[in-house]
Amino acid sequence: MCMTRLRQRGFTLIELIIFIVVVGAGVAGILSVMDQVVRGSADPMLTKQAAALADSVLEEVLQKAYADPDGTNVGETGRPDWDNVDDFNGATQAAFGLPPELAGYTLTVAVIDGTATLGVAARRVVVTVTITARGESVVLAGYRANY
């Protein structure tokens, strides 16, 4: 009588451990990539908000007169009194009364002489909005000519 040995089917413990380690490493890699994607998904929104804020401020400044209509800057202490482009020079977010939802942005306005660039009497208005958390800036510039 001859007994044949039946071949056992299945996995060994070492094979199972190796499988678990390989699958675990793959899942960890996929999750780390997804984490970066999810963290970066709000970035375009912040940049778009910064651009919209800069655009609205630049538009407001460029709607003002080139030179002071009164002929003097006396008594122009706040934004409601600012009636020409030069009055906005050095303005920050405090002057514009931004809502608390925009506390993560830093806003600055610079007005410089743009006559040399354009060849006519002009002011160059540069509005810079910085996203405080990332240090990224959106810079918009425009010219206000004396016409």
Protein backbone atom coordinates (compact mmCIF):
# COMPACT_ATOMS: atom_id res chain seq x y z
CA MET A 1 0.00 0.00 0.00
CA CYS A 2 1.45 3.24 -1.15
CA MET A 3 0.26 6.51 0.27
CA THR A 4 0.51 9.54 -1.87
CA ARG A 5 0.85 12.77 -0.15
CA LEU A 6 -1.77 15.34 -1.04
CA ARG A 7 -0.31 18.67 -1.89
CA GLN A 8 -1.69 21.35 0.39
CA ARG A 9 -2.98 24.49 -1.16
CA GLY A 10 -2.86 27.98 0.39
CA PHE A 11 -0.45 30.65 1.51
CA THR A 12 2.23 30.52 4.10
CA LEU A 13 2.39 33.01 6.93
CA ILE A 14 5.43 34.69 5.40
CA GLU A 15 3.63 35.17 2.08
CA LEU A 16 0.67 36.76 3.87
CA ILE A 17 2.94 39.14 5.80
CA ILE A 18 4.75 40.19 2.61
CA PHE A 19 1.40 40.76 0.88
CA ILE A 20 0.13 42.92 3.76
CA VAL A 21 3.34 45.01 3.77
CA VAL A 22 3.24 45.57 -0.01
CA VAL A 23 -0.46 46.48 -0.05
CA GLY A 24 -0.01 48.73 3.00
CA ALA A 25 2.85 50.62 1.33
CA GLY A 26 0.76 51.07 -1.82
CA VAL A 27 -2.24 52.38 0.10
CA ALA A 28 0.00 54.75 2.09
CA GLY A 29 1.46 56.12 -1.16
CA ILE A 30 -1.96 56.67 -2.69
CA LEU A 31 -3.26 58.38 0.45
CA SER A 32 -0.26 60.73 0.62
CA VAL A 33 -0.86 61.80 -2.99
CA MET A 34 -4.56 62.33 -2.29
CA ASP A 35 -3.66 64.38 0.80
CA GLN A 36 -1.58 66.76 -1.32
CA VAL A 37 -4.35 67.06 -3.90
CA VAL A 38 -6.99 67.83 -1.27
CA ARG A 39 -4.78 70.39 0.47
CA GLY A 40 -4.11 72.17 -2.80
CA SER A 41 -7.72 72.18 -3.99
CA ALA A 42 -8.53 75.45 -2.18
CA ASP A 43 -5.45 77.26 -3.52
CA PRO A 44 -7.07 78.49 -6.75
CA MET A 45 -9.95 79.92 -4.74
CA LEU A 46 -7.59 81.95 -2.53
CA THR A 47 -5.73 83.27 -5.56
CA LYS A 48 -8.99 84.13 -7.30
CA GLN A 49 -10.24 86.00 -4.21
CA ALA A 50 -6.97 87.93 -4.02
CA ALA A 51 -7.23 88.85 -7.71
CA ALA A 52 -10.85 89.97 -7.28
CA LEU A 53 -9.91 92.10 -4.27
CA ALA A 54 -6.99 93.70 -6.13
CA ASP A 55 -9.19 94.33 -9.17
CA SER A 56 -11.92 96.04 -7.16
CA VAL A 57 -9.44 98.29 -5.35
CA LEU A 58 -7.62 99.16 -8.59
CA GLU A 59 -10.93 100.00 -10.25
CA GLU A 60 -11.92 102.26 -7.35
CA VAL A 61 -8.59 104.11 -7.44
CA LEU A 62 -8.56 104.56 -11.22
CA GLN A 63 -12.06 106.09 -11.13
CA LYS A 64 -10.73 109.03 -9.11
CA ALA A 65 -9.37 112.20 -10.68
CA TYR A 66 -5.72 112.54 -11.71
CA ALA A 67 -5.21 115.72 -9.70
CA ASP A 68 -7.03 116.99 -6.64
CA PRO A 69 -10.20 118.80 -7.81
CA ASP A 70 -10.05 121.08 -4.75
CA GLY A 71 -6.42 121.94 -5.39
CA THR A 72 -5.36 120.86 -1.91
CA ASN A 73 -5.21 117.70 0.19
CA VAL A 74 -6.20 119.48 3.38
CA GLY A 75 -8.91 117.72 5.36
CA GLU A 76 -8.75 114.45 3.43
CA THR A 77 -8.33 112.16 6.40
CA GLY A 78 -10.08 109.03 5.23
CA ARG A 79 -11.19 107.09 2.21
CA PRO A 80 -14.58 108.83 1.87
CA ASP A 81 -12.67 112.13 1.44
CA TRP A 82 -10.12 110.83 -1.05
CA ASP A 83 -10.93 112.45 -4.36
CA ASN A 84 -7.81 111.85 -6.45
CA VAL A 85 -5.41 109.03 -7.25
CA ASP A 86 -2.56 110.34 -5.09
CA ASP A 87 -4.70 110.16 -1.95
CA PHE A 88 -4.57 106.35 -2.12
CA ASN A 89 -0.76 106.17 -2.00
CA GLY A 90 0.29 103.97 0.92
CA ALA A 91 -3.25 102.80 1.67
CA THR A 92 -3.65 99.39 3.31
CA GLN A 93 -6.55 97.08 4.05
CA ALA A 94 -7.41 99.18 7.13
CA ALA A 95 -8.37 102.10 4.87
CA PHE A 96 -10.73 99.95 2.83
CA GLY A 97 -12.58 98.42 5.79
CA LEU A 98 -12.34 94.84 4.57
CA PRO A 99 -14.71 92.32 6.15
CA PRO A 100 -13.29 89.86 8.71
CA GLU A 101 -13.54 87.03 6.15
CA LEU A 102 -10.65 88.66 4.26
CA ALA A 103 -8.35 88.86 7.29
CA GLY A 104 -5.97 86.41 5.60
CA TYR A 105 -5.01 88.98 2.96
CA THR A 106 -2.66 91.96 3.12
CA LEU A 107 -3.50 94.85 0.80
CA THR A 108 -1.23 97.74 -0.19
CA VAL A 109 -1.63 100.50 -2.76
CA ALA A 110 1.29 102.41 -4.25
CA VAL A 111 0.90 105.42 -6.54
CA ILE A 112 4.02 106.44 -8.44
CA ASP A 113 4.79 108.78 -11.31
CA GLY A 114 4.26 107.03 -14.63
CA THR A 115 5.12 109.94 -16.90
CA ALA A 116 8.46 108.49 -18.03
CA THR A 117 6.85 105.22 -19.07
CA LEU A 118 3.95 106.65 -21.06
CA GLY A 119 5.39 109.97 -22.18
CA VAL A 120 2.35 111.86 -20.85
CA ALA A 121 1.43 113.05 -17.38
CA ALA A 122 0.26 109.88 -15.66
CA ARG A 123 0.21 108.07 -12.35
CA ARG A 124 0.95 104.35 -12.08
CA VAL A 125 -1.23 102.63 -9.50
CA VAL A 126 0.06 99.30 -8.16
CA VAL A 127 -2.26 97.23 -5.99
CA THR A 128 -0.64 94.28 -4.20
CA VAL A 129 -2.72 91.67 -2.38
CA THR A 130 -0.72 89.06 -0.47
CA ILE A 131 -2.22 85.80 0.75
CA THR A 132 -0.77 85.85 4.26
CA ALA A 133 -0.76 82.09 4.86
CA ARG A 134 1.21 81.30 1.70
CA GLY A 135 3.12 84.51 1.07
CA GLU A 136 1.85 84.53 -2.51
CA SER A 137 1.06 87.93 -4.01
CA VAL A 138 -1.27 89.14 -6.72
CA VAL A 139 -0.09 92.41 -8.23
CA LEU A 140 -2.25 94.53 -10.54
CA ALA A 141 -1.16 97.82 -12.04
CA GLY A 142 -2.93 100.51 -13.98
CA TYR A 143 -2.33 104.03 -15.22
CA ARG A 144 -4.36 107.18 -14.65
CA ALA A 145 -3.50 109.87 -17.17
CA ASN A 146 -4.11 113.58 -16.86
CA TYR A 147 -6.63 114.19 -19.63
